[in-house]
Amino acid sequence: MKFKKLASPYLIWMILFIVMPLLLIFFYSITDGMIKDFTMESFTLDNYKKFFTPQYLKVFFDSLKMAFKTTVICLAIGYPTAYWIFNSKSKYKSLMLLLIVIPMWMNFLLRTYAWVLILSKNGILNNFLNIFGIDPLSIIYTDKAIMIGMIYNYLPFMILPIHSVFEKIDKSMIEAAKDLGATEMQAFWKVIFPLSISGVVTGITMVFIPAISTFEISALLGGNKYNLIGNIIENQYRLVGDWNFGSAMSIAIIVIIIVAMIITNKFDSDDEKTGGGLW
């Protein structure tokens, strides 16, 4: 009971800084005015109806597609990288992980600004291509630039949880599989991959959620020419001043993210029960 009391400050913190702001956002989403102008006639679902119009649904599906592509590419790069570090016999394994973590110590905006300098017309990439007589690439302020920025910023969130799960695998299980006649590939698919599913699910969640709601990367690398749903929500609060519609979009995205987390956690729990479904 004494230890439960120690959790009270954390509970109060959650109520004040998580629950209350979410309730306030929800309140704004179902009304058509500020709190000082609130009347019983202020309640409305028009903000949600506006979100589900073709104009905003297109932006949302573009954001969903961009987040999905980013997550798939991060998984395609992150899983082999985490596995390579796990399998490495080098004494520099800790240094390899440190090199992945170090960029995260820098400010998120600074890391993204660096890519503006790299991808711009007179940036580092095009100057390098000019040396070899290659035509400059027009990448900046396109969806490709946004995806590069997302992959760079979110890739560590895919590598680290997968590697963490790899490190927990009992290597004697892999050796036992090989002793029983399994090849390297069979040992990977029958032992290693099923045991790493929880790390994959965590990585997918940690990449997909910020990718679908980002606005800094698309603003800097997209130059406001390729807006995602995060940019639309930001503009409603900062520029348009329509907090009600911005809140409705925020709640809709929160619900979608929660559903995505429930689905991924369901797959994770199913894999734990069935051993990855490969046995």
C-alpha atoms as a PDB file:
ATOM      1  CA  MET A   1       0.000   0.000   0.000  1.00  0.00           C
ATOM      2  CA  LYS A   2       2.910   2.357   0.762  1.00  0.00           C
ATOM      3  CA  PHE A   3       4.280   1.911  -2.755  1.00  0.00           C
ATOM      4  CA  LYS A   4       0.847   2.609  -4.272  1.00  0.00           C
ATOM      5  CA  LYS A   5       0.798   5.978  -2.506  1.00  0.00           C
ATOM      6  CA  LEU A   6       4.039   6.876  -4.277  1.00  0.00           C
ATOM      7  CA  ALA A   7       2.135   6.701  -7.559  1.00  0.00           C
ATOM      8  CA  SER A   8      -0.302   9.420  -6.477  1.00  0.00           C
ATOM      9  CA  PRO A   9       1.787  12.362  -7.786  1.00  0.00           C
ATOM     10  CA  TYR A  10       2.084  10.615 -11.137  1.00  0.00           C
ATOM     11  CA  LEU A  11      -1.670  10.033 -11.207  1.00  0.00           C
ATOM     12  CA  ILE A  12      -2.299  13.705 -10.478  1.00  0.00           C
ATOM     13  CA  TRP A  13       0.201  14.672 -13.194  1.00  0.00           C
ATOM     14  CA  MET A  14      -1.610  12.435 -15.726  1.00  0.00           C
ATOM     15  CA  ILE A  15      -4.990  13.956 -14.866  1.00  0.00           C
ATOM     16  CA  LEU A  16      -3.730  17.544 -15.104  1.00  0.00           C
ATOM     17  CA  PHE A  17      -1.515  17.280 -18.170  1.00  0.00           C
ATOM     18  CA  ILE A  18      -3.009  14.398 -20.182  1.00  0.00           C
ATOM     19  CA  VAL A  19      -6.652  13.791 -19.299  1.00  0.00           C
ATOM     20  CA  MET A  20      -7.696  17.431 -18.821  1.00  0.00           C
ATOM     21  CA  PRO A  21      -6.130  18.716 -22.074  1.00  0.00           C
ATOM     22  CA  LEU A  22      -7.733  15.842 -24.013  1.00  0.00           C
ATOM     23  CA  LEU A  23     -11.125  16.623 -22.473  1.00  0.00           C
ATOM     24  CA  LEU A  24     -10.659  20.289 -23.375  1.00  0.00           C
ATOM     25  CA  ILE A  25      -9.784  19.377 -26.975  1.00  0.00           C
ATOM     26  CA  PHE A  26     -12.832  17.113 -27.140  1.00  0.00           C
ATOM     27  CA  PHE A  27     -15.025  19.911 -25.774  1.00  0.00           C
ATOM     28  CA  TYR A  28     -13.804  22.298 -28.449  1.00  0.00           C
ATOM     29  CA  SER A  29     -14.368  19.643 -31.127  1.00  0.00           C
ATOM     30  CA  ILE A  30     -18.100  19.384 -30.368  1.00  0.00           C
ATOM     31  CA  THR A  31     -18.762  23.121 -30.025  1.00  0.00           C
ATOM     32  CA  ASP A  32     -18.689  26.039 -32.436  1.00  0.00           C
ATOM     33  CA  GLY A  33     -17.227  28.780 -30.282  1.00  0.00           C
ATOM     34  CA  MET A  34     -14.725  29.600 -27.535  1.00  0.00           C
ATOM     35  CA  ILE A  35     -15.475  28.761 -23.893  1.00  0.00           C
ATOM     36  CA  LYS A  36     -16.385  32.384 -23.101  1.00  0.00           C
ATOM     37  CA  ASP A  37     -19.046  32.286 -25.868  1.00  0.00           C
ATOM     38  CA  PHE A  38     -20.411  28.892 -24.866  1.00  0.00           C
ATOM     39  CA  THR A  39     -24.164  28.252 -24.793  1.00  0.00           C
ATOM     40  CA  MET A  40     -26.228  25.065 -25.015  1.00  0.00           C
ATOM     41  CA  GLU A  41     -26.735  25.805 -28.725  1.00  0.00           C
ATOM     42  CA  SER A  42     -22.980  25.689 -29.225  1.00  0.00           C
ATOM     43  CA  PHE A  43     -22.905  21.876 -29.319  1.00  0.00           C
ATOM     44  CA  THR A  44     -22.468  20.596 -32.864  1.00  0.00           C
ATOM     45  CA  LEU A  45     -20.925  17.789 -34.917  1.00  0.00           C
ATOM     46  CA  ASP A  46     -20.282  20.050 -37.889  1.00  0.00           C
ATOM     47  CA  ASN A  47     -16.562  20.085 -37.169  1.00  0.00           C
ATOM     48  CA  TYR A  48     -16.376  16.312 -37.633  1.00  0.00           C
ATOM     49  CA  LYS A  49     -18.588  16.481 -40.729  1.00  0.00           C
ATOM     50  CA  LYS A  50     -16.172  19.033 -42.179  1.00  0.00           C
ATOM     51  CA  PHE A  51     -13.220  16.731 -41.536  1.00  0.00           C
ATOM     52  CA  PHE A  52     -14.892  13.887 -43.445  1.00  0.00           C
ATOM     53  CA  THR A  53     -15.306  15.949 -46.615  1.00  0.00           C
ATOM     54  CA  PRO A  54     -13.249  14.944 -49.715  1.00  0.00           C
ATOM     55  CA  GLN A  55     -10.899  17.905 -49.340  1.00  0.00           C
ATOM     56  CA  TYR A  56      -9.631  16.926 -45.901  1.00  0.00           C
ATOM     57  CA  LEU A  57      -9.952  13.173 -46.385  1.00  0.00           C
ATOM     58  CA  LYS A  58      -7.528  13.452 -49.308  1.00  0.00           C
ATOM     59  CA  VAL A  59      -4.971  15.169 -47.056  1.00  0.00           C
ATOM     60  CA  PHE A  60      -5.544  12.521 -44.391  1.00  0.00           C
ATOM     61  CA  PHE A  61      -5.071   9.620 -46.805  1.00  0.00           C
ATOM     62  CA  ASP A  62      -1.954  11.299 -48.214  1.00  0.00           C
ATOM     63  CA  SER A  63      -0.630  11.479 -44.638  1.00  0.00           C
ATOM     64  CA  LEU A  64      -1.597   7.849 -44.037  1.00  0.00           C
ATOM     65  CA  LYS A  65       0.155   6.763 -47.224  1.00  0.00           C
ATOM     66  CA  MET A  66       3.269   8.755 -46.365  1.00  0.00           C
ATOM     67  CA  ALA A  67       3.369   7.331 -42.819  1.00  0.00           C
ATOM     68  CA  PHE A  68       2.861   3.789 -44.152  1.00  0.00           C
ATOM     69  CA  LYS A  69       5.691   4.120 -46.701  1.00  0.00           C
ATOM     70  CA  THR A  70       7.980   5.628 -44.068  1.00  0.00           C
ATOM     71  CA  THR A  71       7.228   2.793 -41.644  1.00  0.00           C
ATOM     72  CA  VAL A  72       7.822   0.088 -44.291  1.00  0.00           C
ATOM     73  CA  ILE A  73      11.141   1.628 -45.378  1.00  0.00           C
ATOM     74  CA  CYS A  74      12.263   2.081 -41.755  1.00  0.00           C
ATOM     75  CA  LEU A  75      11.416  -1.581 -41.105  1.00  0.00           C
ATOM     76  CA  ALA A  76      13.241  -2.699 -44.269  1.00  0.00           C
ATOM     77  CA  ILE A  77      16.358  -0.777 -43.183  1.00  0.00           C
ATOM     78  CA  GLY A  78      16.033  -1.075 -39.412  1.00  0.00           C
ATOM     79  CA  TYR A  79      15.478  -4.824 -39.053  1.00  0.00           C
ATOM     80  CA  PRO A  80      18.599  -5.914 -41.011  1.00  0.00           C
ATOM     81  CA  THR A  81      20.633  -3.206 -39.266  1.00  0.00           C
ATOM     82  CA  ALA A  82      19.517  -4.351 -35.805  1.00  0.00           C
ATOM     83  CA  TYR A  83      20.161  -7.989 -36.759  1.00  0.00           C
ATOM     84  CA  TRP A  84      23.605  -7.164 -38.153  1.00  0.00           C
ATOM     85  CA  ILE A  85      24.589  -5.364 -34.943  1.00  0.00           C
ATOM     86  CA  PHE A  86      23.210  -8.250 -32.867  1.00  0.00           C
ATOM     87  CA  ASN A  87      25.190 -10.809 -34.888  1.00  0.00           C
ATOM     88  CA  SER A  88      28.358  -8.737 -35.025  1.00  0.00           C
ATOM     89  CA  LYS A  89      31.383 -10.228 -33.306  1.00  0.00           C
ATOM     90  CA  SER A  90      33.045  -6.845 -33.241  1.00  0.00           C
ATOM     91  CA  LYS A  91      34.048  -5.249 -29.950  1.00  0.00           C
ATOM     92  CA  TYR A  92      32.554  -2.023 -31.293  1.00  0.00           C
ATOM     93  CA  LYS A  93      28.913  -3.119 -30.988  1.00  0.00           C
ATOM     94  CA  SER A  94      28.284  -0.498 -28.334  1.00  0.00           C
ATOM     95  CA  LEU A  95      29.826   2.140 -30.582  1.00  0.00           C
ATOM     96  CA  MET A  96      27.516   1.094 -33.441  1.00  0.00           C
ATOM     97  CA  LEU A  97      24.494   1.624 -31.219  1.00  0.00           C
ATOM     98  CA  LEU A  98      25.925   4.908 -29.972  1.00  0.00           C
ATOM     99  CA  LEU A  99      26.244   6.182 -33.543  1.00  0.00           C
ATOM    100  CA  ILE A 100      22.529   5.476 -34.024  1.00  0.00           C
ATOM    101  CA  VAL A 101      21.586   7.230 -30.782  1.00  0.00           C
ATOM    102  CA  ILE A 102      23.882  10.297 -31.035  1.00  0.00           C
ATOM    103  CA  PRO A 103      21.801  12.159 -33.680  1.00  0.00           C
ATOM    104  CA  MET A 104      18.795  11.884 -31.341  1.00  0.00           C
ATOM    105  CA  TRP A 105      20.684  13.977 -28.794  1.00  0.00           C
ATOM    106  CA  MET A 106      20.423  16.914 -31.187  1.00  0.00           C
ATOM    107  CA  ASN A 107      17.334  19.076 -31.466  1.00  0.00           C
ATOM    108  CA  PHE A 108      14.713  17.619 -33.824  1.00  0.00           C
ATOM    109  CA  LEU A 109      14.422  20.867 -35.805  1.00  0.00           C
ATOM    110  CA  LEU A 110      18.202  21.175 -36.214  1.00  0.00           C
ATOM    111  CA  ARG A 111      18.369  17.671 -37.659  1.00  0.00           C
ATOM    112  CA  THR A 112      15.627  18.515 -40.120  1.00  0.00           C
ATOM    113  CA  TYR A 113      17.210  21.872 -41.055  1.00  0.00           C
ATOM    114  CA  ALA A 114      20.393  19.930 -41.873  1.00  0.00           C
ATOM    115  CA  TRP A 115      18.470  18.074 -44.583  1.00  0.00           C
ATOM    116  CA  VAL A 116      17.271  21.384 -46.016  1.00  0.00           C
ATOM    117  CA  LEU A 117      20.936  22.321 -46.502  1.00  0.00           C
ATOM    118  CA  ILE A 118      21.737  18.902 -47.973  1.00  0.00           C
ATOM    119  CA  LEU A 119      18.816  18.689 -50.422  1.00  0.00           C
ATOM    120  CA  SER A 120      18.475  22.328 -51.511  1.00  0.00           C
ATOM    121  CA  LYS A 121      19.343  23.437 -55.053  1.00  0.00           C
ATOM    122  CA  ASN A 122      22.829  24.606 -54.059  1.00  0.00           C
ATOM    123  CA  GLY A 123      23.106  22.113 -51.222  1.00  0.00           C
ATOM    124  CA  ILE A 124      25.700  19.515 -50.353  1.00  0.00           C
ATOM    125  CA  LEU A 125      24.106  16.731 -52.422  1.00  0.00           C
ATOM    126  CA  ASN A 126      23.924  18.703 -55.684  1.00  0.00           C
ATOM    127  CA  ASN A 127      27.417  20.147 -55.193  1.00  0.00           C
ATOM    128  CA  PHE A 128      28.679  16.589 -54.819  1.00  0.00           C
ATOM    129  CA  LEU A 129      26.835  15.491 -57.983  1.00  0.00           C
ATOM    130  CA  ASN A 130      28.277  18.437 -59.913  1.00  0.00           C
ATOM    131  CA  ILE A 131      31.778  17.119 -59.249  1.00  0.00           C
ATOM    132  CA  PHE A 132      30.904  14.023 -61.298  1.00  0.00           C
ATOM    133  CA  GLY A 133      29.016  15.982 -63.956  1.00  0.00           C
ATOM    134  CA  ILE A 134      25.612  14.643 -62.857  1.00  0.00           C
ATOM    135  CA  ASP A 135      22.569  16.862 -63.285  1.00  0.00           C
ATOM    136  CA  PRO A 136      21.326  18.310 -59.953  1.00  0.00           C
ATOM    137  CA  LEU A 137      18.378  16.623 -58.308  1.00  0.00           C
ATOM    138  CA  SER A 138      15.263  18.653 -57.586  1.00  0.00           C
ATOM    139  CA  ILE A 139      14.248  16.974 -54.314  1.00  0.00           C
ATOM    140  CA  ILE A 140      13.702  19.780 -51.835  1.00  0.00           C
ATOM    141  CA  TYR A 141      10.092  20.841 -51.228  1.00  0.00           C
ATOM    142  CA  THR A 142       8.687  17.569 -52.551  1.00  0.00           C
ATOM    143  CA  ASP A 143       7.111  14.517 -50.949  1.00  0.00           C
ATOM    144  CA  LYS A 144      10.425  12.683 -51.490  1.00  0.00           C
ATOM    145  CA  ALA A 145      12.240  15.218 -49.305  1.00  0.00           C
ATOM    146  CA  ILE A 146       9.603  14.820 -46.598  1.00  0.00           C
ATOM    147  CA  MET A 147       9.973  11.050 -46.665  1.00  0.00           C
ATOM    148  CA  ILE A 148      13.769  11.298 -46.435  1.00  0.00           C
ATOM    149  CA  GLY A 149      13.396  13.559 -43.395  1.00  0.00           C
ATOM    150  CA  MET A 150      10.934  11.174 -41.765  1.00  0.00           C
ATOM    151  CA  ILE A 151      13.094   8.111 -42.392  1.00  0.00           C
ATOM    152  CA  TYR A 152      16.171   9.850 -41.008  1.00  0.00           C
ATOM    153  CA  ASN A 153      14.420  11.114 -37.876  1.00  0.00           C
ATOM    154  CA  TYR A 154      12.382   8.002 -37.083  1.00  0.00           C
ATOM    155  CA  LEU A 155      14.738   5.178 -38.137  1.00  0.00           C
ATOM    156  CA  PRO A 156      16.371   4.920 -34.669  1.00  0.00           C
ATOM    157  CA  PHE A 157      12.911   4.281 -33.188  1.00  0.00           C
ATOM    158  CA  MET A 158      12.727   1.177 -35.369  1.00  0.00           C
ATOM    159  CA  ILE A 159      16.281  -0.086 -34.834  1.00  0.00           C
ATOM    160  CA  LEU A 160      16.538   0.274 -31.048  1.00  0.00           C
ATOM    161  CA  PRO A 161      13.444  -1.723 -29.925  1.00  0.00           C
ATOM    162  CA  ILE A 162      14.204  -4.511 -32.410  1.00  0.00           C
ATOM    163  CA  HIS A 163      17.821  -4.698 -31.267  1.00  0.00           C
ATOM    164  CA  SER A 164      16.691  -4.666 -27.639  1.00  0.00           C
ATOM    165  CA  VAL A 165      14.553  -7.760 -28.296  1.00  0.00           C
ATOM    166  CA  PHE A 166      17.406  -9.470 -30.155  1.00  0.00           C
ATOM    167  CA  GLU A 167      19.668  -9.002 -27.141  1.00  0.00           C
ATOM    168  CA  LYS A 168      17.116 -10.814 -24.940  1.00  0.00           C
ATOM    169  CA  ILE A 169      17.056 -13.918 -27.163  1.00  0.00           C
ATOM    170  CA  ASP A 170      18.716 -16.921 -25.555  1.00  0.00           C
ATOM    171  CA  LYS A 171      21.449 -17.851 -28.050  1.00  0.00           C
ATOM    172  CA  SER A 172      21.340 -21.438 -26.836  1.00  0.00           C
ATOM    173  CA  MET A 173      17.976 -21.744 -28.605  1.00  0.00           C
ATOM    174  CA  ILE A 174      19.623 -20.794 -31.891  1.00  0.00           C
ATOM    175  CA  GLU A 175      22.468 -23.252 -31.271  1.00  0.00           C
ATOM    176  CA  ALA A 176      19.941 -25.988 -30.417  1.00  0.00           C
ATOM    177  CA  ALA A 177      18.097 -25.366 -33.696  1.00  0.00           C
ATOM    178  CA  LYS A 178      21.356 -25.692 -35.629  1.00  0.00           C
ATOM    179  CA  ASP A 179      22.297 -28.854 -33.695  1.00  0.00           C
ATOM    180  CA  LEU A 180      18.958 -30.337 -34.794  1.00  0.00           C
ATOM    181  CA  GLY A 181      19.879 -29.733 -38.432  1.00  0.00           C
ATOM    182  CA  ALA A 182      18.472 -26.268 -39.118  1.00  0.00           C
ATOM    183  CA  THR A 183      20.342 -24.080 -41.569  1.00  0.00           C
ATOM    184  CA  GLU A 184      21.138 -20.428 -40.824  1.00  0.00           C
ATOM    185  CA  MET A 185      18.025 -19.345 -42.723  1.00  0.00           C
ATOM    186  CA  GLN A 186      15.786 -21.943 -41.047  1.00  0.00           C
ATOM    187  CA  ALA A 187      17.103 -20.969 -37.605  1.00  0.00           C
ATOM    188  CA  PHE A 188      16.329 -17.339 -38.413  1.00  0.00           C
ATOM    189  CA  TRP A 189      12.748 -17.959 -39.588  1.00  0.00           C
ATOM    190  CA  LYS A 190      11.885 -20.581 -36.970  1.00  0.00           C
ATOM    191  CA  VAL A 191      13.588 -19.106 -33.906  1.00  0.00           C
ATOM    192  CA  ILE A 192      14.912 -15.567 -34.264  1.00  0.00           C
ATOM    193  CA  PHE A 193      12.161 -13.896 -36.288  1.00  0.00           C
ATOM    194  CA  PRO A 194       9.208 -15.156 -34.168  1.00  0.00           C
ATOM    195  CA  LEU A 195      10.988 -14.041 -30.994  1.00  0.00           C
ATOM    196  CA  SER A 196      11.642 -10.590 -32.452  1.00  0.00           C
ATOM    197  CA  ILE A 197       8.014  -9.853 -33.371  1.00  0.00           C
ATOM    198  CA  SER A 198       7.393  -7.818 -30.220  1.00  0.00           C
ATOM    199  CA  GLY A 199      10.293  -5.518 -31.127  1.00  0.00           C
ATOM    200  CA  VAL A 200       8.977  -5.175 -34.681  1.00  0.00           C
ATOM    201  CA  VAL A 201       5.507  -4.225 -33.400  1.00  0.00           C
ATOM    202  CA  THR A 202       6.998  -1.678 -31.001  1.00  0.00           C
ATOM    203  CA  GLY A 203       9.150  -0.222 -33.770  1.00  0.00           C
ATOM    204  CA  ILE A 204       6.212   0.025 -36.175  1.00  0.00           C
ATOM    205  CA  THR A 205       4.137   1.799 -33.518  1.00  0.00           C
ATOM    206  CA  MET A 206       6.936   4.209 -32.604  1.00  0.00           C
ATOM    207  CA  VAL A 207       7.499   5.165 -36.253  1.00  0.00           C
ATOM    208  CA  PHE A 208       3.946   5.172 -37.630  1.00  0.00           C
ATOM    209  CA  ILE A 209       2.357   7.304 -34.892  1.00  0.00           C
ATOM    210  CA  PRO A 210       4.700  10.326 -35.126  1.00  0.00           C
ATOM    211  CA  ALA A 211       4.914   9.953 -38.919  1.00  0.00           C
ATOM    212  CA  ILE A 212       1.162  10.310 -39.432  1.00  0.00           C
ATOM    213  CA  SER A 213       0.915  13.397 -37.216  1.00  0.00           C
ATOM    214  CA  THR A 214       4.162  15.214 -38.023  1.00  0.00           C
ATOM    215  CA  PHE A 215       4.120  18.817 -39.208  1.00  0.00           C
ATOM    216  CA  GLU A 216       7.662  20.161 -38.657  1.00  0.00           C
ATOM    217  CA  ILE A 217       9.286  17.885 -41.253  1.00  0.00           C
ATOM    218  CA  SER A 218       6.651  18.537 -43.914  1.00  0.00           C
ATOM    219  CA  ALA A 219       6.775  22.292 -43.226  1.00  0.00           C
ATOM    220  CA  LEU A 220      10.572  22.532 -43.544  1.00  0.00           C
ATOM    221  CA  LEU A 221      11.254  19.976 -46.282  1.00  0.00           C
ATOM    222  CA  GLY A 222       7.922  20.337 -48.056  1.00  0.00           C
ATOM    223  CA  GLY A 223       7.980  24.127 -48.055  1.00  0.00           C
ATOM    224  CA  ASN A 224       4.216  24.203 -47.400  1.00  0.00           C
ATOM    225  CA  LYS A 225       3.762  22.824 -50.931  1.00  0.00           C
ATOM    226  CA  TYR A 226       2.945  19.324 -49.686  1.00  0.00           C
ATOM    227  CA  ASN A 227       0.815  19.525 -46.564  1.00  0.00           C
ATOM    228  CA  LEU A 228       0.042  16.611 -44.298  1.00  0.00           C
ATOM    229  CA  ILE A 229      -2.771  16.392 -41.766  1.00  0.00           C
ATOM    230  CA  GLY A 230      -0.430  17.648 -39.027  1.00  0.00           C
ATOM    231  CA  ASN A 231       0.142  20.871 -40.985  1.00  0.00           C
ATOM    232  CA  ILE A 232      -3.598  21.393 -41.442  1.00  0.00           C
ATOM    233  CA  ILE A 233      -4.204  20.973 -37.698  1.00  0.00           C
ATOM    234  CA  GLU A 234      -1.336  23.355 -36.856  1.00  0.00           C
ATOM    235  CA  ASN A 235      -2.692  25.968 -39.274  1.00  0.00           C
ATOM    236  CA  GLN A 236      -6.163  25.788 -37.690  1.00  0.00           C
ATOM    237  CA  TYR A 237      -4.672  26.701 -34.315  1.00  0.00           C
ATOM    238  CA  ARG A 238      -1.954  29.164 -35.317  1.00  0.00           C
ATOM    239  CA  LEU A 239      -3.166  30.883 -38.490  1.00  0.00           C
ATOM    240  CA  VAL A 240      -6.883  30.342 -39.049  1.00  0.00           C
ATOM    241  CA  GLY A 241      -7.864  30.492 -35.375  1.00  0.00           C
ATOM    242  CA  ASP A 242     -10.494  27.779 -35.784  1.00  0.00           C
ATOM    243  CA  TRP A 243      -9.698  25.819 -32.635  1.00  0.00           C
ATOM    244  CA  ASN A 244     -12.945  23.858 -32.896  1.00  0.00           C
ATOM    245  CA  PHE A 245     -12.180  22.345 -36.286  1.00  0.00           C
ATOM    246  CA  GLY A 246      -8.551  21.822 -35.318  1.00  0.00           C
ATOM    247  CA  SER A 247      -9.701  19.982 -32.193  1.00  0.00           C
ATOM    248  CA  ALA A 248     -12.090  17.789 -34.202  1.00  0.00           C
ATOM    249  CA  MET A 249      -9.270  16.754 -36.529  1.00  0.00           C
ATOM    250  CA  SER A 250      -7.004  16.113 -33.529  1.00  0.00           C
ATOM    251  CA  ILE A 251      -9.584  13.866 -31.861  1.00  0.00           C
ATOM    252  CA  ALA A 252     -10.162  11.983 -35.127  1.00  0.00           C
ATOM    253  CA  ILE A 253      -6.409  11.365 -35.496  1.00  0.00           C
ATOM    254  CA  ILE A 254      -6.127  10.299 -31.843  1.00  0.00           C
ATOM    255  CA  VAL A 255      -8.922   7.740 -32.328  1.00  0.00           C
ATOM    256  CA  ILE A 256      -7.269   6.396 -35.482  1.00  0.00           C
ATOM    257  CA  ILE A 257      -3.914   6.114 -33.697  1.00  0.00           C
ATOM    258  CA  ILE A 258      -5.522   4.288 -30.758  1.00  0.00           C
ATOM    259  CA  VAL A 259      -7.191   1.834 -33.171  1.00  0.00           C
ATOM    260  CA  ALA A 260      -3.833   1.261 -34.906  1.00  0.00           C
ATOM    261  CA  MET A 261      -2.171   0.583 -31.529  1.00  0.00           C
ATOM    262  CA  ILE A 262      -4.912  -1.882 -30.545  1.00  0.00           C
ATOM    263  CA  ILE A 263      -4.477  -3.748 -33.837  1.00  0.00           C
ATOM    264  CA  THR A 264      -0.673  -3.928 -33.562  1.00  0.00           C
ATOM    265  CA  ASN A 265      -0.863  -5.004 -29.913  1.00  0.00           C
ATOM    266  CA  LYS A 266      -3.379  -7.682 -30.908  1.00  0.00           C
ATOM    267  CA  PHE A 267      -0.933  -9.086 -33.462  1.00  0.00           C
ATOM    268  CA  ASP A 268       1.835  -8.889 -30.869  1.00  0.00           C
ATOM    269  CA  SER A 269      -0.172 -10.837 -28.259  1.00  0.00           C
ATOM    270  CA  ASP A 270      -1.230 -13.424 -30.864  1.00  0.00           C
ATOM    271  CA  ASP A 271       2.399 -13.975 -31.862  1.00  0.00           C
ATOM    272  CA  GLU A 272       3.427 -14.438 -28.242  1.00  0.00           C
ATOM    273  CA  LYS A 273       0.750 -17.117 -27.799  1.00  0.00           C
ATOM    274  CA  THR A 274       1.485 -18.964 -31.038  1.00  0.00           C
ATOM    275  CA  GLY A 275       5.228 -18.512 -31.202  1.00  0.00           C
ATOM    276  CA  GLY A 276       4.993 -16.231 -34.209  1.00  0.00           C
ATOM    277  CA  GLY A 277       2.730 -18.550 -36.148  1.00  0.00           C
ATOM    278  CA  LEU A 278       5.708 -20.279 -37.794  1.00  0.00           C
ATOM    279  CA  TRP A 279       5.972 -23.416 -35.716  1.00  0.00           C
END
